[in-house]
Amino acid sequence: IEQQQTNIDMVIEAGGNKIKQKEAESKQRLENISLELKKIMAEKSDAQDNLKLNQQALSTETVHLNEFYDRQKDNETKYVEKKLQLQAKIDSMHKECVEVQQNKNSKEFIDAPSHQITTEAIAVTNLQLQGKNKPLEVSKMCFSHEELHEEGNNQSI
């Protein structure tokens, strides 16, 4: 009986040792999993911080792009308004030129003193107004009374 009791004690002790070994292995695995989980959580936190920074940067860039777009639209509007103003001035001057041409043989024009008649003209290099910032050439053309009456004068004002 003592021998059987000793054998049972040895089996129990061996089983206890195996349980202790399994507990130690499980504890180690649990610690490893815990460390891995902490590492993953830290990476997740870093990724969330980076995402927030990227979202802020994107938001800032969006604001800048919208401001740029608004400035471009304002510049376009100003350009179109200026172009229309210049076209109106050109049309008005053309009308004046036609009137001068029609009236150059009138009695008032022929009897006018021989001082210079000055007409302001806008010469646009390309009537299509290429390029928004291209300066327009503005010149003054002066014709004396005699020059306007020269025979065969084909100059247009």
N, C-alpha and C. Protein backbone atom coordinates (compact mmCIF):
# COMPACT_ATOMS: atom_id res chain seq x y z
N ILE A 1 0.85 -1.17 0.00
CA ILE A 1 0.00 0.00 0.00
C ILE A 1 0.89 1.23 0.00
N GLU A 2 1.95 1.12 0.78
CA GLU A 2 2.88 2.26 0.80
C GLU A 2 3.48 2.48 -0.58
N GLN A 3 3.77 1.40 -1.24
CA GLN A 3 4.34 1.51 -2.60
C GLN A 3 3.33 2.13 -3.53
N GLN A 4 2.10 1.74 -3.41
CA GLN A 4 1.05 2.30 -4.27
C GLN A 4 0.85 3.77 -3.93
N GLN A 5 0.91 4.06 -2.64
CA GLN A 5 0.76 5.46 -2.22
C GLN A 5 1.91 6.28 -2.78
N THR A 6 3.12 5.78 -2.78
CA THR A 6 4.30 6.46 -3.31
C THR A 6 4.14 6.64 -4.82
N ASN A 7 3.66 5.61 -5.48
CA ASN A 7 3.44 5.70 -6.93
C ASN A 7 2.38 6.77 -7.24
N ILE A 8 1.34 6.78 -6.43
CA ILE A 8 0.27 7.77 -6.64
C ILE A 8 0.82 9.16 -6.39
N ASP A 9 1.60 9.29 -5.32
CA ASP A 9 2.20 10.60 -5.01
C ASP A 9 3.12 11.07 -6.16
N MET A 10 3.87 10.13 -6.73
CA MET A 10 4.77 10.48 -7.84
C MET A 10 3.96 10.88 -9.08
N VAL A 11 2.86 10.19 -9.32
CA VAL A 11 2.00 10.53 -10.46
C VAL A 11 1.38 11.90 -10.21
N ILE A 12 0.91 12.12 -8.99
CA ILE A 12 0.30 13.42 -8.66
C ILE A 12 1.35 14.53 -8.78
N GLU A 13 2.55 14.25 -8.28
CA GLU A 13 3.62 15.25 -8.36
C GLU A 13 3.99 15.52 -9.81
N ALA A 14 4.08 14.49 -10.62
CA ALA A 14 4.40 14.66 -12.05
C ALA A 14 3.28 15.43 -12.74
N GLY A 15 2.02 15.09 -12.39
CA GLY A 15 0.89 15.83 -12.97
C GLY A 15 0.90 17.28 -12.52
N GLY A 16 1.23 17.49 -11.24
CA GLY A 16 1.32 18.86 -10.72
C GLY A 16 2.41 19.66 -11.42
N ASN A 17 3.53 18.98 -11.65
CA ASN A 17 4.63 19.65 -12.36
C ASN A 17 4.22 20.01 -13.78
N LYS A 18 3.51 19.11 -14.43
CA LYS A 18 3.04 19.39 -15.80
C LYS A 18 2.05 20.55 -15.77
N ILE A 19 1.19 20.57 -14.76
CA ILE A 19 0.21 21.67 -14.66
C ILE A 19 0.95 22.98 -14.44
N LYS A 20 1.97 22.95 -13.53
CA LYS A 20 2.75 24.16 -13.26
C LYS A 20 3.47 24.61 -14.54
N GLN A 21 4.01 23.66 -15.28
CA GLN A 21 4.70 23.97 -16.55
C GLN A 21 3.72 24.59 -17.54
N LYS A 22 2.52 24.00 -17.66
CA LYS A 22 1.50 24.51 -18.58
C LYS A 22 1.04 25.90 -18.14
N GLU A 23 0.91 26.09 -16.82
CA GLU A 23 0.53 27.42 -16.29
C GLU A 23 1.59 28.45 -16.66
N ALA A 24 2.87 28.07 -16.50
CA ALA A 24 3.98 28.98 -16.81
C ALA A 24 3.98 29.31 -18.31
N GLU A 25 3.75 28.29 -19.14
CA GLU A 25 3.70 28.52 -20.59
C GLU A 25 2.52 29.41 -20.95
N SER A 26 1.37 29.17 -20.34
CA SER A 26 0.18 29.97 -20.60
C SER A 26 0.39 31.41 -20.14
N LYS A 27 1.03 31.56 -18.96
CA LYS A 27 1.31 32.91 -18.44
C LYS A 27 2.24 33.65 -19.41
N GLN A 28 3.26 32.95 -19.91
CA GLN A 28 4.20 33.57 -20.86
C GLN A 28 3.50 33.97 -22.14
N ARG A 29 2.63 33.08 -22.67
CA ARG A 29 1.87 33.40 -23.88
C ARG A 29 0.95 34.60 -23.65
N LEU A 30 0.34 34.64 -22.47
CA LEU A 30 -0.55 35.75 -22.12
C LEU A 30 0.23 37.07 -22.07
N GLU A 31 1.43 37.03 -21.49
CA GLU A 31 2.28 38.23 -21.45
C GLU A 31 2.69 38.65 -22.86
N ASN A 32 3.04 37.67 -23.69
CA ASN A 32 3.41 37.98 -25.08
C ASN A 32 2.22 38.60 -25.84
N ILE A 33 1.05 38.01 -25.63
CA ILE A 33 -0.15 38.55 -26.29
C ILE A 33 -0.45 39.96 -25.78
N SER A 34 -0.28 40.18 -24.48
CA SER A 34 -0.51 41.49 -23.89
C SER A 34 0.46 42.52 -24.47
N LEU A 35 1.74 42.14 -24.60
CA LEU A 35 2.74 43.05 -25.19
C LEU A 35 2.39 43.35 -26.65
N GLU A 36 2.00 42.31 -27.38
CA GLU A 36 1.62 42.49 -28.79
C GLU A 36 0.40 43.40 -28.91
N LEU A 37 -0.56 43.22 -28.01
CA LEU A 37 -1.76 44.05 -27.99
C LEU A 37 -1.41 45.52 -27.70
N LYS A 38 -0.51 45.73 -26.72
CA LYS A 38 -0.07 47.10 -26.40
C LYS A 38 0.62 47.74 -27.60
N LYS A 39 1.43 46.95 -28.30
CA LYS A 39 2.14 47.43 -29.50
C LYS A 39 1.12 47.82 -30.59
N ILE A 40 0.13 46.97 -30.80
CA ILE A 40 -0.90 47.23 -31.80
C ILE A 40 -1.70 48.48 -31.43
N MET A 41 -2.02 48.63 -30.15
CA MET A 41 -2.78 49.81 -29.68
C MET A 41 -1.96 51.09 -29.89
N ALA A 42 -0.65 51.02 -29.63
CA ALA A 42 0.22 52.17 -29.85
C ALA A 42 0.27 52.53 -31.34
N GLU A 43 0.36 51.51 -32.19
CA GLU A 43 0.37 51.75 -33.64
C GLU A 43 -0.96 52.34 -34.09
N LYS A 44 -2.05 51.83 -33.50
CA LYS A 44 -3.38 52.36 -33.84
C LYS A 44 -3.48 53.82 -33.44
N SER A 45 -2.98 54.14 -32.26
CA SER A 45 -3.00 55.53 -31.77
C SER A 45 -2.17 56.43 -32.70
N ASP A 46 -0.98 55.96 -33.09
CA ASP A 46 -0.14 56.73 -34.02
C ASP A 46 -0.85 56.92 -35.36
N ALA A 47 -1.49 55.86 -35.82
CA ALA A 47 -2.21 55.93 -37.10
C ALA A 47 -3.37 56.93 -36.99
N GLN A 48 -4.07 56.92 -35.87
CA GLN A 48 -5.17 57.88 -35.67
C GLN A 48 -4.64 59.30 -35.63
N ASP A 49 -3.50 59.51 -34.94
CA ASP A 49 -2.89 60.84 -34.89
C ASP A 49 -2.49 61.30 -36.29
N ASN A 50 -1.87 60.39 -37.05
CA ASN A 50 -1.49 60.72 -38.43
C ASN A 50 -2.70 61.03 -39.29
N LEU A 51 -3.76 60.27 -39.10
CA LEU A 51 -4.99 60.50 -39.84
C LEU A 51 -5.54 61.89 -39.53
N LYS A 52 -5.56 62.26 -38.24
CA LYS A 52 -6.04 63.59 -37.85
C LYS A 52 -5.18 64.68 -38.48
N LEU A 53 -3.86 64.50 -38.44
CA LEU A 53 -2.96 65.49 -39.05
C LEU A 53 -3.20 65.59 -40.55
N ASN A 54 -3.37 64.45 -41.21
CA ASN A 54 -3.63 64.46 -42.65
C ASN A 54 -4.96 65.11 -42.97
N GLN A 55 -5.98 64.87 -42.12
CA GLN A 55 -7.28 65.50 -42.34
C GLN A 55 -7.18 67.01 -42.16
N GLN A 56 -6.41 67.45 -41.16
CA GLN A 56 -6.21 68.89 -40.95
C GLN A 56 -5.48 69.51 -42.14
N ALA A 57 -4.45 68.82 -42.62
CA ALA A 57 -3.70 69.32 -43.78
C ALA A 57 -4.60 69.39 -45.01
N LEU A 58 -5.41 68.37 -45.19
CA LEU A 58 -6.34 68.34 -46.32
C LEU A 58 -7.34 69.48 -46.22
N SER A 59 -7.85 69.70 -45.03
CA SER A 59 -8.80 70.78 -44.80
C SER A 59 -8.16 72.13 -45.12
N THR A 60 -6.93 72.33 -44.65
CA THR A 60 -6.21 73.58 -44.91
C THR A 60 -5.99 73.76 -46.41
N GLU A 61 -5.55 72.69 -47.10
CA GLU A 61 -5.34 72.77 -48.54
C GLU A 61 -6.64 73.07 -49.28
N THR A 62 -7.73 72.48 -48.81
CA THR A 62 -9.03 72.73 -49.43
C THR A 62 -9.40 74.20 -49.30
N VAL A 63 -9.16 74.78 -48.12
CA VAL A 63 -9.43 76.20 -47.91
C VAL A 63 -8.57 77.04 -48.86
N HIS A 64 -7.28 76.70 -48.95
CA HIS A 64 -6.38 77.44 -49.85
C HIS A 64 -6.84 77.33 -51.30
N LEU A 65 -7.22 76.13 -51.71
CA LEU A 65 -7.69 75.94 -53.09
C LEU A 65 -8.96 76.73 -53.35
N ASN A 66 -9.88 76.74 -52.38
CA ASN A 66 -11.11 77.51 -52.55
C ASN A 66 -10.83 79.00 -52.63
N GLU A 67 -9.89 79.49 -51.81
CA GLU A 67 -9.50 80.90 -51.87
C GLU A 67 -8.88 81.22 -53.23
N PHE A 68 -8.00 80.33 -53.70
CA PHE A 68 -7.37 80.53 -55.01
C PHE A 68 -8.43 80.55 -56.11
N TYR A 69 -9.37 79.61 -56.05
CA TYR A 69 -10.44 79.53 -57.03
C TYR A 69 -11.27 80.82 -57.01
N ASP A 70 -11.58 81.32 -55.81
CA ASP A 70 -12.35 82.56 -55.69
C ASP A 70 -11.59 83.74 -56.29
N ARG A 71 -10.27 83.80 -56.02
CA ARG A 71 -9.45 84.90 -56.60
C ARG A 71 -9.43 84.80 -58.13
N GLN A 72 -9.31 83.57 -58.64
CA GLN A 72 -9.31 83.37 -60.09
C GLN A 72 -10.62 83.84 -60.70
N LYS A 73 -11.74 83.50 -60.06
CA LYS A 73 -13.06 83.91 -60.56
C LYS A 73 -13.18 85.43 -60.52
N ASP A 74 -12.70 86.06 -59.43
CA ASP A 74 -12.73 87.52 -59.33
C ASP A 74 -11.90 88.14 -60.44
N ASN A 75 -10.70 87.59 -60.67
CA ASN A 75 -9.83 88.12 -61.73
C ASN A 75 -10.49 87.96 -63.10
N GLU A 76 -11.12 86.81 -63.33
CA GLU A 76 -11.81 86.58 -64.59
C GLU A 76 -12.93 87.59 -64.78
N THR A 77 -13.70 87.82 -63.72
CA THR A 77 -14.81 88.76 -63.78
C THR A 77 -14.29 90.17 -64.08
N LYS A 78 -13.22 90.57 -63.38
CA LYS A 78 -12.63 91.90 -63.62
C LYS A 78 -12.12 92.01 -65.05
N TYR A 79 -11.50 90.94 -65.55
CA TYR A 79 -10.98 90.94 -66.91
C TYR A 79 -12.11 91.11 -67.92
N VAL A 80 -13.18 90.36 -67.73
CA VAL A 80 -14.32 90.44 -68.66
C VAL A 80 -14.93 91.84 -68.60
N GLU A 81 -15.06 92.40 -67.38
CA GLU A 81 -15.61 93.76 -67.24
C GLU A 81 -14.71 94.76 -67.96
N LYS A 82 -13.41 94.66 -67.77
CA LYS A 82 -12.46 95.58 -68.42
C LYS A 82 -12.53 95.42 -69.94
N LYS A 83 -12.62 94.19 -70.39
CA LYS A 83 -12.71 93.93 -71.83
C LYS A 83 -13.97 94.57 -72.41
N LEU A 84 -15.09 94.43 -71.69
CA LEU A 84 -16.34 95.04 -72.15
C LEU A 84 -16.25 96.57 -72.16
N GLN A 85 -15.60 97.13 -71.12
CA GLN A 85 -15.42 98.59 -71.07
C GLN A 85 -14.59 99.05 -72.26
N LEU A 86 -13.50 98.34 -72.53
CA LEU A 86 -12.63 98.73 -73.65
C LEU A 86 -13.35 98.56 -74.98
N GLN A 87 -14.14 97.49 -75.11
CA GLN A 87 -14.89 97.28 -76.35
C GLN A 87 -15.90 98.41 -76.54
N ALA A 88 -16.53 98.83 -75.44
CA ALA A 88 -17.49 99.94 -75.52
C ALA A 88 -16.78 101.22 -75.94
N LYS A 89 -15.58 101.44 -75.39
CA LYS A 89 -14.82 102.64 -75.75
C LYS A 89 -14.40 102.58 -77.23
N ILE A 90 -13.97 101.40 -77.68
CA ILE A 90 -13.60 101.24 -79.09
C ILE A 90 -14.82 101.49 -79.98
N ASP A 91 -15.96 100.93 -79.60
CA ASP A 91 -17.19 101.13 -80.38
C ASP A 91 -17.56 102.61 -80.42
N SER A 92 -17.44 103.29 -79.29
CA SER A 92 -17.75 104.73 -79.21
C SER A 92 -16.81 105.52 -80.11
N MET A 93 -15.53 105.18 -80.07
CA MET A 93 -14.55 105.90 -80.89
C MET A 93 -14.78 105.62 -82.38
N HIS A 94 -15.17 104.38 -82.67
CA HIS A 94 -15.48 104.05 -84.06
C HIS A 94 -16.67 104.88 -84.54
N LYS A 95 -17.65 105.02 -83.68
CA LYS A 95 -18.82 105.82 -84.02
C LYS A 95 -18.40 107.28 -84.26
N GLU A 96 -17.51 107.80 -83.38
CA GLU A 96 -17.01 109.17 -83.56
C GLU A 96 -16.28 109.31 -84.90
N CYS A 97 -15.47 108.31 -85.21
CA CYS A 97 -14.71 108.35 -86.47
C CYS A 97 -15.66 108.37 -87.66
N VAL A 98 -16.70 107.55 -87.60
CA VAL A 98 -17.68 107.51 -88.68
C VAL A 98 -18.35 108.88 -88.81
N GLU A 99 -18.69 109.48 -87.65
CA GLU A 99 -19.32 110.81 -87.67
C GLU A 99 -18.38 111.84 -88.26
N VAL A 100 -17.11 111.79 -87.86
CA VAL A 100 -16.12 112.74 -88.40
C VAL A 100 -16.00 112.54 -89.90
N GLN A 101 -15.93 111.28 -90.32
CA GLN A 101 -15.81 110.98 -91.75
C GLN A 101 -17.03 111.52 -92.50
N GLN A 102 -18.22 111.34 -91.92
CA GLN A 102 -19.44 111.80 -92.57
C GLN A 102 -19.52 113.33 -92.59
N ASN A 103 -18.98 113.94 -91.54
CA ASN A 103 -19.10 115.40 -91.40
C ASN A 103 -17.92 116.15 -92.00
N LYS A 104 -16.92 115.48 -92.50
CA LYS A 104 -15.72 116.20 -92.93
C LYS A 104 -15.97 117.11 -94.13
N ASN A 105 -17.01 116.85 -94.86
CA ASN A 105 -17.33 117.72 -95.98
C ASN A 105 -18.41 118.74 -95.63
N SER A 106 -18.84 118.72 -94.35
CA SER A 106 -19.89 119.68 -93.96
C SER A 106 -19.31 121.09 -93.89
N LYS A 107 -20.18 122.09 -93.98
CA LYS A 107 -19.75 123.50 -93.98
C LYS A 107 -19.06 123.85 -92.67
N GLU A 108 -19.58 123.38 -91.51
CA GLU A 108 -18.98 123.70 -90.21
C GLU A 108 -17.55 123.18 -90.15
N PHE A 109 -17.32 121.96 -90.66
CA PHE A 109 -16.00 121.36 -90.61
C PHE A 109 -15.03 122.10 -91.51
N ILE A 110 -15.48 122.45 -92.70
CA ILE A 110 -14.61 123.15 -93.66
C ILE A 110 -14.26 124.53 -93.13
N ASP A 111 -15.19 125.20 -92.45
CA ASP A 111 -14.95 126.54 -91.92
C ASP A 111 -14.23 126.53 -90.57
N ALA A 112 -13.97 125.34 -89.99
CA ALA A 112 -13.34 125.26 -88.67
C ALA A 112 -11.95 125.84 -88.72
N PRO A 113 -11.46 126.43 -87.60
CA PRO A 113 -10.09 126.98 -87.58
C PRO A 113 -9.09 125.85 -87.80
N SER A 114 -7.90 126.20 -88.18
CA SER A 114 -6.93 125.16 -88.56
C SER A 114 -6.16 124.61 -87.35
N HIS A 115 -6.78 124.62 -86.19
CA HIS A 115 -6.11 123.99 -85.04
C HIS A 115 -6.17 122.47 -85.20
N GLN A 116 -5.41 121.79 -84.38
CA GLN A 116 -5.38 120.32 -84.51
C GLN A 116 -6.64 119.72 -83.93
N ILE A 117 -7.15 118.72 -84.62
CA ILE A 117 -8.27 117.93 -84.12
C ILE A 117 -7.65 116.66 -83.55
N THR A 118 -7.89 116.43 -82.28
CA THR A 118 -7.26 115.29 -81.61
C THR A 118 -8.31 114.23 -81.35
N THR A 119 -7.96 113.05 -81.73
CA THR A 119 -8.85 111.91 -81.46
C THR A 119 -8.06 110.87 -80.69
N GLU A 120 -8.60 110.46 -79.59
CA GLU A 120 -7.93 109.41 -78.82
C GLU A 120 -8.39 108.08 -79.39
N ALA A 121 -7.43 107.21 -79.64
CA ALA A 121 -7.78 105.89 -80.20
C ALA A 121 -7.12 104.80 -79.38
N ILE A 122 -7.79 103.74 -79.27
CA ILE A 122 -7.21 102.60 -78.58
C ILE A 122 -6.87 101.56 -79.63
N ALA A 123 -5.58 101.26 -79.69
CA ALA A 123 -5.14 100.26 -80.65
C ALA A 123 -4.90 98.96 -79.89
N VAL A 124 -5.60 97.95 -80.24
CA VAL A 124 -5.45 96.66 -79.57
C VAL A 124 -4.70 95.76 -80.54
N THR A 125 -3.51 95.27 -80.08
CA THR A 125 -2.68 94.48 -80.99
C THR A 125 -3.44 93.32 -81.59
N ASN A 126 -4.08 92.54 -80.78
CA ASN A 126 -4.96 91.48 -81.26
C ASN A 126 -6.34 91.78 -80.76
N LEU A 127 -7.29 91.89 -81.65
CA LEU A 127 -8.65 92.23 -81.23
C LEU A 127 -9.24 91.14 -80.33
N GLN A 128 -8.62 89.99 -80.36
CA GLN A 128 -9.12 88.91 -79.51
C GLN A 128 -8.66 89.08 -78.06
N LEU A 129 -7.87 90.09 -77.77
CA LEU A 129 -7.36 90.35 -76.42
C LEU A 129 -6.75 89.09 -75.80
N GLN A 130 -5.69 88.61 -76.44
CA GLN A 130 -5.04 87.40 -75.95
C GLN A 130 -4.34 87.70 -74.64
N GLY A 131 -4.48 86.82 -73.69
CA GLY A 131 -3.77 86.93 -72.40
C GLY A 131 -4.40 87.96 -71.51
N LYS A 132 -4.70 87.59 -70.29
CA LYS A 132 -5.38 88.47 -69.36
C LYS A 132 -4.53 89.66 -68.96
N ASN A 133 -3.24 89.47 -68.81
CA ASN A 133 -2.38 90.52 -68.29
C ASN A 133 -1.64 91.28 -69.38
N LYS A 134 -1.99 91.03 -70.62
CA LYS A 134 -1.31 91.68 -71.73
C LYS A 134 -1.74 93.14 -71.78
N PRO A 135 -0.80 94.07 -71.68
CA PRO A 135 -1.20 95.47 -71.67
C PRO A 135 -1.73 95.90 -73.03
N LEU A 136 -2.70 96.75 -72.99
CA LEU A 136 -3.26 97.27 -74.23
C LEU A 136 -2.44 98.49 -74.63
N GLU A 137 -2.24 98.65 -75.93
CA GLU A 137 -1.49 99.80 -76.41
C GLU A 137 -2.47 100.95 -76.60
N VAL A 138 -2.18 102.05 -75.95
CA VAL A 138 -3.05 103.22 -76.08
C VAL A 138 -2.21 104.31 -76.74
N SER A 139 -2.73 104.89 -77.79
CA SER A 139 -1.97 105.94 -78.46
C SER A 139 -2.91 107.09 -78.79
N LYS A 140 -2.33 108.27 -78.93
CA LYS A 140 -3.09 109.43 -79.35
C LYS A 140 -2.68 109.75 -80.78
N MET A 141 -3.66 109.94 -81.61
CA MET A 141 -3.35 110.29 -82.98
C MET A 141 -3.88 111.69 -83.22
N CYS A 142 -3.03 112.56 -83.69
CA CYS A 142 -3.44 113.93 -83.94
C CYS A 142 -3.41 114.20 -85.44
N PHE A 143 -4.44 114.80 -85.94
CA PHE A 143 -4.52 115.18 -87.34
C PHE A 143 -4.86 116.65 -87.39
N SER A 144 -4.08 117.36 -88.12
CA SER A 144 -4.40 118.79 -88.29
C SER A 144 -5.58 118.90 -89.25
N HIS A 145 -6.18 120.07 -89.25
CA HIS A 145 -7.31 120.35 -90.13
C HIS A 145 -6.93 120.06 -91.59
N GLU A 146 -5.70 120.47 -91.95
CA GLU A 146 -5.24 120.28 -93.32
C GLU A 146 -5.06 118.79 -93.65
N GLU A 147 -4.50 118.03 -92.68
CA GLU A 147 -4.27 116.61 -92.94
C GLU A 147 -5.58 115.88 -93.19
N LEU A 148 -6.62 116.29 -92.49
CA LEU A 148 -7.90 115.64 -92.68
C LEU A 148 -8.52 115.97 -94.03
N HIS A 149 -8.09 117.10 -94.63
CA HIS A 149 -8.68 117.52 -95.90
C HIS A 149 -7.82 117.15 -97.10
N GLU A 150 -6.65 116.52 -96.86
CA GLU A 150 -5.79 116.17 -97.99
C GLU A 150 -6.54 115.25 -98.94
N GLU A 151 -6.33 115.50 -100.21
CA GLU A 151 -6.95 114.69 -101.25
C GLU A 151 -6.37 113.28 -101.17
N GLY A 152 -7.24 112.27 -101.15
CA GLY A 152 -6.78 110.88 -101.17
C GLY A 152 -6.26 110.39 -99.83
N ASN A 153 -6.55 111.09 -98.74
CA ASN A 153 -6.08 110.65 -97.42
C ASN A 153 -6.94 109.45 -96.99
N ASN A 154 -6.32 108.28 -96.96
CA ASN A 154 -7.06 107.06 -96.63
C ASN A 154 -6.82 106.60 -95.20
N GLN A 155 -6.22 107.47 -94.38
CA GLN A 155 -5.97 107.08 -92.99
C GLN A 155 -7.29 106.95 -92.25
N SER A 156 -7.38 105.94 -91.44
CA SER A 156 -8.58 105.84 -90.61
C SER A 156 -8.21 106.30 -89.21
N ILE A 157 -9.12 106.96 -88.59
CA ILE A 157 -8.84 107.52 -87.27
C ILE A 157 -9.13 106.45 -86.24
